PDB file of N, CA and C in Angstrom:
ATOM      1  N   MET A   1     -46.046  48.284 135.509  1.00  0.00           N
ATOM      2  CA  MET A   1     -45.624  47.515 136.476  1.00  0.00           C
ATOM      3  C   MET A   1     -45.148  46.110 135.636  1.00  0.00           C
ATOM      4  N   LYS A   2     -44.323  45.520 136.378  1.00  0.00           N
ATOM      5  CA  LYS A   2     -43.812  44.591 135.857  1.00  0.00           C
ATOM      6  C   LYS A   2     -44.762  43.013 136.323  1.00  0.00           C
ATOM      7  N   ALA A   3     -44.383  42.061 135.489  1.00  0.00           N
ATOM      8  CA  ALA A   3     -45.178  40.789 135.893  1.00  0.00           C
ATOM      9  C   ALA A   3     -44.045  40.228 136.876  1.00  0.00           C
ATOM     10  N   HIS A   4     -44.729  39.431 137.813  1.00  0.00           N
ATOM     11  CA  HIS A   4     -43.958  38.778 138.646  1.00  0.00           C
ATOM     12  C   HIS A   4     -43.538  37.301 138.273  1.00  0.00           C
ATOM     13  N   ARG A   5     -42.123  37.188 138.296  1.00  0.00           N
ATOM     14  CA  ARG A   5     -41.328  36.083 137.789  1.00  0.00           C
ATOM     15  C   ARG A   5     -40.764  35.337 138.678  1.00  0.00           C
ATOM     16  N   PRO A   6     -41.100  34.198 138.601  1.00  0.00           N
ATOM     17  CA  PRO A   6     -40.434  33.271 139.820  1.00  0.00           C
ATOM     18  C   PRO A   6     -38.974  33.147 139.587  1.00  0.00           C
ATOM     19  N   GLU A   7     -38.099  33.151 140.596  1.00  0.00           N
ATOM     20  CA  GLU A   7     -36.645  32.740 140.499  1.00  0.00           C
ATOM     21  C   GLU A   7     -36.290  31.836 140.234  1.00  0.00           C
ATOM     22  N   LYS A   8     -35.191  32.201 139.221  1.00  0.00           N
ATOM     23  CA  LYS A   8     -34.983  30.712 138.490  1.00  0.00           C
ATOM     24  C   LYS A   8     -33.444  30.469 138.721  1.00  0.00           C
ATOM     25  N   ARG A   9     -33.145  30.992 139.931  1.00  0.00           N
ATOM     26  CA  ARG A   9     -31.428  31.016 140.094  1.00  0.00           C
ATOM     27  C   ARG A   9     -31.204  29.819 140.906  1.00  0.00           C
ATOM     28  N   LEU A  10     -30.210  28.973 140.682  1.00  0.00           N
ATOM     29  CA  LEU A  10     -29.399  27.642 140.982  1.00  0.00           C
ATOM     30  C   LEU A  10     -29.192  27.910 142.306  1.00  0.00           C
ATOM     31  N   GLU A  11     -29.036  27.284 143.307  1.00  0.00           N
ATOM     32  CA  GLU A  11     -28.273  27.349 144.899  1.00  0.00           C
ATOM     33  C   GLU A  11     -27.107  26.885 144.224  1.00  0.00           C
ATOM     34  N   ARG A  12     -25.952  27.785 145.098  1.00  0.00           N
ATOM     35  CA  ARG A  12     -24.688  27.432 144.808  1.00  0.00           C
ATOM     36  C   ARG A  12     -24.211  25.940 144.438  1.00  0.00           C
ATOM     37  N   ALA A  13     -24.927  25.229 145.162  1.00  0.00           N
ATOM     38  CA  ALA A  13     -24.318  24.060 145.521  1.00  0.00           C
ATOM     39  C   ALA A  13     -25.000  22.894 144.606  1.00  0.00           C
ATOM     40  N   GLU A  14     -25.890  23.032 144.131  1.00  0.00           N
ATOM     41  CA  GLU A  14     -26.598  22.573 142.550  1.00  0.00           C
ATOM     42  C   GLU A  14     -25.902  23.145 141.551  1.00  0.00           C
ATOM     43  N   TRP A  15     -25.669  24.518 141.416  1.00  0.00           N
ATOM     44  CA  TRP A  15     -24.800  24.887 140.439  1.00  0.00           C
ATOM     45  C   TRP A  15     -23.937  24.165 140.231  1.00  0.00           C
ATOM     46  N   CYS A  16     -22.998  23.980 141.005  1.00  0.00           N
ATOM     47  CA  CYS A  16     -21.598  23.411 140.910  1.00  0.00           C
ATOM     48  C   CYS A  16     -21.792  22.096 140.665  1.00  0.00           C
ATOM     49  N   SER A  17     -22.620  21.317 141.451  1.00  0.00           N
ATOM     50  CA  SER A  17     -22.728  20.030 141.024  1.00  0.00           C
ATOM     51  C   SER A  17     -23.110  19.682 139.672  1.00  0.00           C
ATOM     52  N   ARG A  18     -24.164  20.350 139.143  1.00  0.00           N
ATOM     53  CA  ARG A  18     -24.487  20.267 137.377  1.00  0.00           C
ATOM     54  C   ARG A  18     -23.248  20.739 136.375  1.00  0.00           C
ATOM     55  N   ALA A  19     -22.390  21.853 136.968  1.00  0.00           N
ATOM     56  CA  ALA A  19     -21.200  22.035 136.234  1.00  0.00           C
ATOM     57  C   ALA A  19     -20.507  21.042 136.143  1.00  0.00           C
ATOM     58  N   ARG A  20     -20.180  20.345 137.243  1.00  0.00           N
ATOM     59  CA  ARG A  20     -19.344  19.541 137.231  1.00  0.00           C
ATOM     60  C   ARG A  20     -19.453  18.113 136.440  1.00  0.00           C
ATOM     61  N   SER A  21     -21.288  17.923 136.601  1.00  0.00           N
ATOM     62  CA  SER A  21     -21.644  16.857 135.524  1.00  0.00           C
ATOM     63  C   SER A  21     -21.836  17.061 134.222  1.00  0.00           C
ATOM     64  N   MET A  22     -21.737  18.121 133.828  1.00  0.00           N
ATOM     65  CA  MET A  22     -21.554  18.704 132.492  1.00  0.00           C
ATOM     66  C   MET A  22     -20.120  19.244 131.699  1.00  0.00           C
ATOM     67  N   ALA A  23     -19.139  19.353 132.575  1.00  0.00           N
ATOM     68  CA  ALA A  23     -18.082  19.503 132.189  1.00  0.00           C
ATOM     69  C   ALA A  23     -17.367  18.366 131.130  1.00  0.00           C
ATOM     70  N   LYS A  24     -16.250  18.630 130.143  1.00  0.00           N
ATOM     71  CA  LYS A  24     -15.551  17.613 129.371  1.00  0.00           C
ATOM     72  C   LYS A  24     -14.723  16.699 130.467  1.00  0.00           C
ATOM     73  N   ARG A  25     -14.554  15.595 130.267  1.00  0.00           N
ATOM     74  CA  ARG A  25     -13.571  14.661 130.734  1.00  0.00           C
ATOM     75  C   ARG A  25     -13.057  13.949 129.715  1.00  0.00           C
ATOM     76  N   GLY A  26     -11.660  13.453 130.468  1.00  0.00           N
ATOM     77  CA  GLY A  26     -11.349  12.177 129.679  1.00  0.00           C
ATOM     78  C   GLY A  26     -11.019  12.478 128.504  1.00  0.00           C
ATOM     79  N   GLN A  27     -11.150  11.584 127.796  1.00  0.00           N
ATOM     80  CA  GLN A  27     -10.965  11.687 125.968  1.00  0.00           C
ATOM     81  C   GLN A  27     -11.818  12.701 125.468  1.00  0.00           C
ATOM     82  N   GLU A  28     -12.671  13.453 126.076  1.00  0.00           N
ATOM     83  CA  GLU A  28     -13.843  14.461 125.384  1.00  0.00           C
ATOM     84  C   GLU A  28     -12.601  15.739 125.068  1.00  0.00           C
ATOM     85  N   LEU A  29     -11.461  15.813 126.611  1.00  0.00           N
ATOM     86  CA  LEU A  29     -10.383  17.039 126.127  1.00  0.00           C
ATOM     87  C   LEU A  29      -9.652  16.963 125.194  1.00  0.00           C
ATOM     88  N   PRO A  30      -9.268  17.993 124.484  1.00  0.00           N
ATOM     89  CA  PRO A  30      -8.158  18.327 123.203  1.00  0.00           C
ATOM     90  C   PRO A  30      -6.931  17.895 123.826  1.00  0.00           C
ATOM     91  N   GLN A  31      -6.349  17.673 125.431  1.00  0.00           N
ATOM     92  CA  GLN A  31      -4.870  17.762 125.394  1.00  0.00           C
ATOM     93  C   GLN A  31      -5.073  16.464 126.107  1.00  0.00           C
ATOM     94  N   THR A  32      -5.511  15.445 126.150  1.00  0.00           N
ATOM     95  CA  THR A  32      -5.334  14.129 126.540  1.00  0.00           C
ATOM     96  C   THR A  32      -4.757  13.013 125.786  1.00  0.00           C
ATOM     97  N   LYS A  33      -3.711  12.886 126.816  1.00  0.00           N
ATOM     98  CA  LYS A  33      -3.124  11.334 126.088  1.00  0.00           C
ATOM     99  C   LYS A  33      -3.250  10.405 126.087  1.00  0.00           C
ATOM    100  N   LEU A  34      -4.113   9.859 127.092  1.00  0.00           N
ATOM    101  CA  LEU A  34      -4.596   8.342 127.148  1.00  0.00           C
ATOM    102  C   LEU A  34      -5.808   8.230 126.770  1.00  0.00           C
ATOM    103  N   LEU A  35      -6.190   6.992 126.335  1.00  0.00           N
ATOM    104  CA  LEU A  35      -7.494   7.223 126.003  1.00  0.00           C
ATOM    105  C   LEU A  35      -8.165   5.970 127.220  1.00  0.00           C
ATOM    106  N   ASP A  36      -9.529   5.908 127.062  1.00  0.00           N
ATOM    107  CA  ASP A  36      -9.734   5.005 128.129  1.00  0.00           C
ATOM    108  C   ASP A  36      -9.729   3.705 128.479  1.00  0.00           C
ATOM    109  N   LEU A  37      -9.578   3.247 127.282  1.00  0.00           N
ATOM    110  CA  LEU A  37      -8.858   1.677 127.352  1.00  0.00           C
ATOM    111  C   LEU A  37      -7.126   1.896 127.611  1.00  0.00           C
ATOM    112  N   ASP A  38      -6.696   2.601 127.368  1.00  0.00           N
ATOM    113  CA  ASP A  38      -5.230   2.993 127.985  1.00  0.00           C
ATOM    114  C   ASP A  38      -4.995   2.654 129.654  1.00  0.00           C
ATOM    115  N   ILE A  39      -6.423   3.555 130.097  1.00  0.00           N
ATOM    116  CA  ILE A  39      -6.309   3.609 131.412  1.00  0.00           C
ATOM    117  C   ILE A  39      -6.893   2.300 132.049  1.00  0.00           C
ATOM    118  N   VAL A  40      -7.186   1.296 131.572  1.00  0.00           N
ATOM    119  CA  VAL A  40      -8.057   0.060 131.910  1.00  0.00           C
ATOM    120  C   VAL A  40      -6.938  -0.412 131.906  1.00  0.00           C
ATOM    121  N   SER A  41      -6.323  -0.695 130.897  1.00  0.00           N
ATOM    122  CA  SER A  41      -4.930  -1.471 130.487  1.00  0.00           C
ATOM    123  C   SER A  41      -3.913  -1.266 131.789  1.00  0.00           C
ATOM    124  N   ILE A  42      -3.602  -0.021 131.707  1.00  0.00           N
ATOM    125  CA  ILE A  42      -2.457   0.840 132.812  1.00  0.00           C
ATOM    126  C   ILE A  42      -3.253   0.010 134.309  1.00  0.00           C
ATOM    127  N   ARG A  43      -4.495   0.401 134.958  1.00  0.00           N
ATOM    128  CA  ARG A  43      -4.819  -0.695 135.757  1.00  0.00           C
ATOM    129  C   ARG A  43      -5.046  -1.774 136.110  1.00  0.00           C
ATOM    130  N   SER A  44      -5.192  -2.603 134.852  1.00  0.00           N
ATOM    131  CA  SER A  44      -4.722  -4.079 135.320  1.00  0.00           C
ATOM    132  C   SER A  44      -3.569  -4.419 135.068  1.00  0.00           C
ATOM    133  N   ALA A  45      -2.575  -3.816 134.251  1.00  0.00           N
ATOM    134  CA  ALA A  45      -1.065  -4.145 134.746  1.00  0.00           C
ATOM    135  C   ALA A  45      -0.326  -3.763 136.030  1.00  0.00           C
ATOM    136  N   ALA A  46      -1.155  -2.721 136.452  1.00  0.00           N
ATOM    137  CA  ALA A  46      -0.738  -2.400 138.030  1.00  0.00           C
ATOM    138  C   ALA A  46      -1.394  -3.522 138.993  1.00  0.00           C
ATOM    139  N   LYS A  47      -2.238  -3.990 138.603  1.00  0.00           N
ATOM    140  CA  LYS A  47      -2.816  -4.990 139.563  1.00  0.00           C
ATOM    141  C   LYS A  47      -2.243  -6.310 139.245  1.00  0.00           C
ATOM    142  N   GLN A  48      -1.768  -6.476 137.851  1.00  0.00           N
ATOM    143  CA  GLN A  48      -1.133  -7.687 138.156  1.00  0.00           C
ATOM    144  C   GLN A  48       0.142  -7.746 138.671  1.00  0.00           C
ATOM    145  N   ARG A  49       0.704  -6.726 137.970  1.00  0.00           N
ATOM    146  CA  ARG A  49       2.190  -6.289 139.422  1.00  0.00           C
ATOM    147  C   ARG A  49       2.266  -6.482 140.889  1.00  0.00           C
ATOM    148  N   ASP A  50       1.009  -6.183 141.395  1.00  0.00           N
ATOM    149  CA  ASP A  50       0.695  -6.176 142.726  1.00  0.00           C
ATOM    150  C   ASP A  50       0.329  -7.552 143.105  1.00  0.00           C
ATOM    151  N   ASN A  51      -0.402  -8.271 142.056  1.00  0.00           N
ATOM    152  CA  ASN A  51      -0.342  -9.845 142.378  1.00  0.00           C
ATOM    153  C   ASN A  51       1.166 -10.705 142.184  1.00  0.00           C
ATOM    154  N   LEU A  52       1.707 -10.259 141.488  1.00  0.00           N
ATOM    155  CA  LEU A  52       3.118 -11.058 141.413  1.00  0.00           C
ATOM    156  C   LEU A  52       3.934 -10.809 142.452  1.00  0.00           C
ATOM    157  N   ARG A  53       3.983  -9.543 142.977  1.00  0.00           N
ATOM    158  CA  ARG A  53       4.703  -8.817 144.112  1.00  0.00           C
ATOM    159  C   ARG A  53       4.145  -9.620 145.472  1.00  0.00           C
ATOM    160  N   LYS A  54       2.767  -9.827 145.509  1.00  0.00           N
ATOM    161  CA  LYS A  54       2.362 -10.707 146.906  1.00  0.00           C
ATOM    162  C   LYS A  54       2.738 -12.140 146.771  1.00  0.00           C
ATOM    163  N   HIS A  55       2.715 -12.725 145.286  1.00  0.00           N
ATOM    164  CA  HIS A  55       2.921 -14.023 145.154  1.00  0.00           C
ATOM    165  C   HIS A  55       4.752 -13.981 145.657  1.00  0.00           C
ATOM    166  N   ILE A  56       5.587 -13.037 145.137  1.00  0.00           N
ATOM    167  CA  ILE A  56       6.980 -13.303 145.338  1.00  0.00           C
ATOM    168  C   ILE A  56       6.866 -12.977 146.927  1.00  0.00           C
ATOM    169  N   ARG A  57       6.481 -12.258 147.095  1.00  0.00           N
ATOM    170  CA  ARG A  57       6.647 -12.251 149.022  1.00  0.00           C
ATOM    171  C   ARG A  57       6.316 -13.326 149.460  1.00  0.00           C
ATOM    172  N   GLU A  58       5.183 -14.198 149.383  1.00  0.00           N
ATOM    173  CA  GLU A  58       4.835 -15.493 150.134  1.00  0.00           C
ATOM    174  C   GLU A  58       5.285 -16.500 149.739  1.00  0.00           C
ATOM    175  N   ASN A  59       6.134 -16.683 148.451  1.00  0.00           N
ATOM    176  CA  ASN A  59       6.434 -17.830 147.543  1.00  0.00           C
ATOM    177  C   ASN A  59       7.906 -17.892 147.663  1.00  0.00           C
ATOM    178  N   LEU A  60       8.534 -16.864 147.308  1.00  0.00           N
ATOM    179  CA  LEU A  60      10.059 -16.726 146.698  1.00  0.00           C
ATOM    180  C   LEU A  60      10.620 -16.032 147.452  1.00  0.00           C
ATOM    181  N   SER A  61      10.431 -15.405 148.250  1.00  0.00           N
ATOM    182  CA  SER A  61      11.618 -14.413 149.256  1.00  0.00           C
ATOM    183  C   SER A  61      12.181 -15.279 150.544  1.00  0.00           C
ATOM    184  N   ASN A  62      13.001 -14.511 151.164  1.00  0.00           N
ATOM    185  CA  ASN A  62      14.556 -15.442 151.524  1.00  0.00           C
ATOM    186  C   ASN A  62      13.327 -16.074 152.838  1.00  0.00           C
ATOM    187  N   GLU A  63      12.541 -15.161 153.189  1.00  0.00           N
ATOM    188  CA  GLU A  63      12.017 -15.766 154.265  1.00  0.00           C
ATOM    189  C   GLU A  63      10.794 -17.150 154.076  1.00  0.00           C
ATOM    190  N   ALA A  64      10.177 -16.963 153.118  1.00  0.00           N
ATOM    191  CA  ALA A  64       9.563 -17.797 152.578  1.00  0.00           C
ATOM    192  C   ALA A  64      10.303 -19.263 152.104  1.00  0.00           C
ATOM    193  N   LEU A  65      11.505 -18.900 151.157  1.00  0.00           N
ATOM    194  CA  LEU A  65      12.378 -20.236 151.318  1.00  0.00           C
ATOM    195  C   LEU A  65      12.900 -20.656 152.606  1.00  0.00           C
ATOM    196  N   ALA A  66      13.236 -20.074 153.093  1.00  0.00           N
ATOM    197  CA  ALA A  66      13.873 -20.650 154.779  1.00  0.00           C
ATOM    198  C   ALA A  66      12.820 -21.197 155.091  1.00  0.00           C
ATOM    199  N   LYS A  67      11.743 -20.890 155.386  1.00  0.00           N
ATOM    200  CA  LYS A  67      10.173 -21.546 155.991  1.00  0.00           C
ATOM    201  C   LYS A  67      10.238 -22.870 155.386  1.00  0.00           C
ATOM    202  N   GLN A  68      10.042 -22.861 153.990  1.00  0.00           N
ATOM    203  CA  GLN A  68       9.825 -24.155 153.237  1.00  0.00           C
ATOM    204  C   GLN A  68      11.101 -25.071 153.244  1.00  0.00           C
ATOM    205  N   TYR A  69      12.514 -24.765 153.165  1.00  0.00           N
ATOM    206  CA  TYR A  69      13.386 -25.491 153.544  1.00  0.00           C
ATOM    207  C   TYR A  69      13.675 -26.105 155.274  1.00  0.00           C
ATOM    208  N   GLY A  70      13.005 -25.175 156.229  1.00  0.00           N
ATOM    209  CA  GLY A  70      13.561 -25.641 157.481  1.00  0.00           C
ATOM    210  C   GLY A  70      14.872 -24.812 158.110  1.00  0.00           C
ATOM    211  N   VAL A  71      14.998 -23.953 157.328  1.00  0.00           N
ATOM    212  CA  VAL A  71      16.462 -23.417 157.698  1.00  0.00           C
ATOM    213  C   VAL A  71      15.930 -22.062 158.166  1.00  0.00           C
ATOM    214  N   HIS A  72      17.255 -21.385 158.500  1.00  0.00           N
ATOM    215  CA  HIS A  72      17.007 -19.759 159.113  1.00  0.00           C
ATOM    216  C   HIS A  72      17.033 -18.962 158.074  1.00  0.00           C
ATOM    217  N   VAL A  73      17.132 -17.384 158.058  1.00  0.00           N
ATOM    218  CA  VAL A  73      16.651 -16.922 156.722  1.00  0.00           C
ATOM    219  C   VAL A  73      18.588 -16.865 156.597  1.00  0.00           C
ATOM    220  N   ARG A  74      19.342 -16.369 157.508  1.00  0.00           N
ATOM    221  CA  ARG A  74      20.574 -16.079 157.160  1.00  0.00           C
ATOM    222  C   ARG A  74      21.343 -17.369 156.111  1.00  0.00           C
ATOM    223  N   THR A  75      20.777 -18.666 156.528  1.00  0.00           N
ATOM    224  CA  THR A  75      21.355 -19.773 155.641  1.00  0.00           C
ATOM    225  C   THR A  75      21.128 -19.604 153.902  1.00  0.00           C
ATOM    226  N   ILE A  76      19.711 -19.211 154.194  1.00  0.00           N
ATOM    227  CA  ILE A  76      19.128 -18.720 152.874  1.00  0.00           C
ATOM    228  C   ILE A  76      20.375 -17.542 152.051  1.00  0.00           C
ATOM    229  N   GLU A  77      20.291 -16.646 152.774  1.00  0.00           N
ATOM    230  CA  GLU A  77      21.218 -15.538 152.495  1.00  0.00           C
ATOM    231  C   GLU A  77      22.642 -15.919 151.888  1.00  0.00           C
ATOM    232  N   LYS A  78      23.303 -17.006 153.000  1.00  0.00           N
ATOM    233  CA  LYS A  78      24.626 -17.072 152.702  1.00  0.00           C
ATOM    234  C   LYS A  78      24.732 -18.164 151.448  1.00  0.00           C
ATOM    235  N   CYS A  79      23.750 -18.834 150.889  1.00  0.00           N
ATOM    236  CA  CYS A  79      23.677 -19.998 149.867  1.00  0.00           C
ATOM    237  C   CYS A  79      23.470 -18.769 148.699  1.00  0.00           C
ATOM    238  N   LEU A  80      22.755 -18.103 148.789  1.00  0.00           N
ATOM    239  CA  LEU A  80      22.280 -16.909 147.721  1.00  0.00           C
ATOM    240  C   LEU A  80      24.064 -16.048 147.352  1.00  0.00           C
ATOM    241  N   ALA A  81      24.397 -15.550 148.263  1.00  0.00           N
ATOM    242  CA  ALA A  81      25.776 -15.338 148.440  1.00  0.00           C
ATOM    243  C   ALA A  81      27.383 -15.880 148.124  1.00  0.00           C
ATOM    244  N   TYR A  82      26.755 -17.253 147.946  1.00  0.00           N
ATOM    245  CA  TYR A  82      27.849 -18.177 147.764  1.00  0.00           C
ATOM    246  C   TYR A  82      29.044 -18.475 148.889  1.00  0.00           C
ATOM    247  N   GLU A  83      28.554 -17.979 149.991  1.00  0.00           N
ATOM    248  CA  GLU A  83      29.348 -18.248 151.090  1.00  0.00           C
ATOM    249  C   GLU A  83      29.326 -19.298 151.988  1.00  0.00           C
ATOM    250  N   THR A  84      27.934 -20.227 151.670  1.00  0.00           N
ATOM    251  CA  THR A  84      27.946 -21.726 151.303  1.00  0.00           C
ATOM    252  C   THR A  84      27.214 -22.166 150.330  1.00  0.00           C
ATOM    253  N   GLY A  85      27.873 -23.554 150.096  1.00  0.00           N
ATOM    254  CA  GLY A  85      27.978 -24.375 148.955  1.00  0.00           C
ATOM    255  C   GLY A  85      28.405 -23.756 147.893  1.00  0.00           C
ATOM    256  N   SER A  86      29.454 -23.003 147.655  1.00  0.00           N
ATOM    257  CA  SER A  86      30.461 -22.411 146.557  1.00  0.00           C
ATOM    258  C   SER A  86      30.699 -23.189 145.619  1.00  0.00           C
ATOM    259  N   HIS A  87      30.731 -24.662 145.990  1.00  0.00           N
ATOM    260  CA  HIS A  87      31.415 -25.259 144.958  1.00  0.00           C
ATOM    261  C   HIS A  87      30.019 -26.162 143.853  1.00  0.00           C
ATOM    262  N   VAL A  88      28.556 -25.696 144.532  1.00  0.00           N
ATOM    263  CA  VAL A  88      27.655 -26.032 143.534  1.00  0.00           C
ATOM    264  C   VAL A  88      27.634 -24.993 142.917  1.00  0.00           C
ATOM    265  N   ILE A  89      27.575 -25.459 141.303  1.00  0.00           N
ATOM    266  CA  ILE A  89      27.087 -24.007 140.325  1.00  0.00           C
ATOM    267  C   ILE A  89      25.527 -23.959 140.162  1.00  0.00           C
TER     268      ILE A  89
END
């Protein structure tokens, strides 16, 4: 007669959760090219880039310059294309 042992099997969801939490990730993998600090640096640079784009869009775009000088956007475009003020260097 066999002794009764309690069921030690895990439910599938729990097994998947444990497997994911114990799996090697990031720098622990041998094929990793980027270190954790590299990733932080890349994300920081991307955030700076996005902030610069926002600044350019809000302050240095043709629309922003036109609003700043109180003229139409096309006037700014003509200045930049040397159609207007071509004598100014």
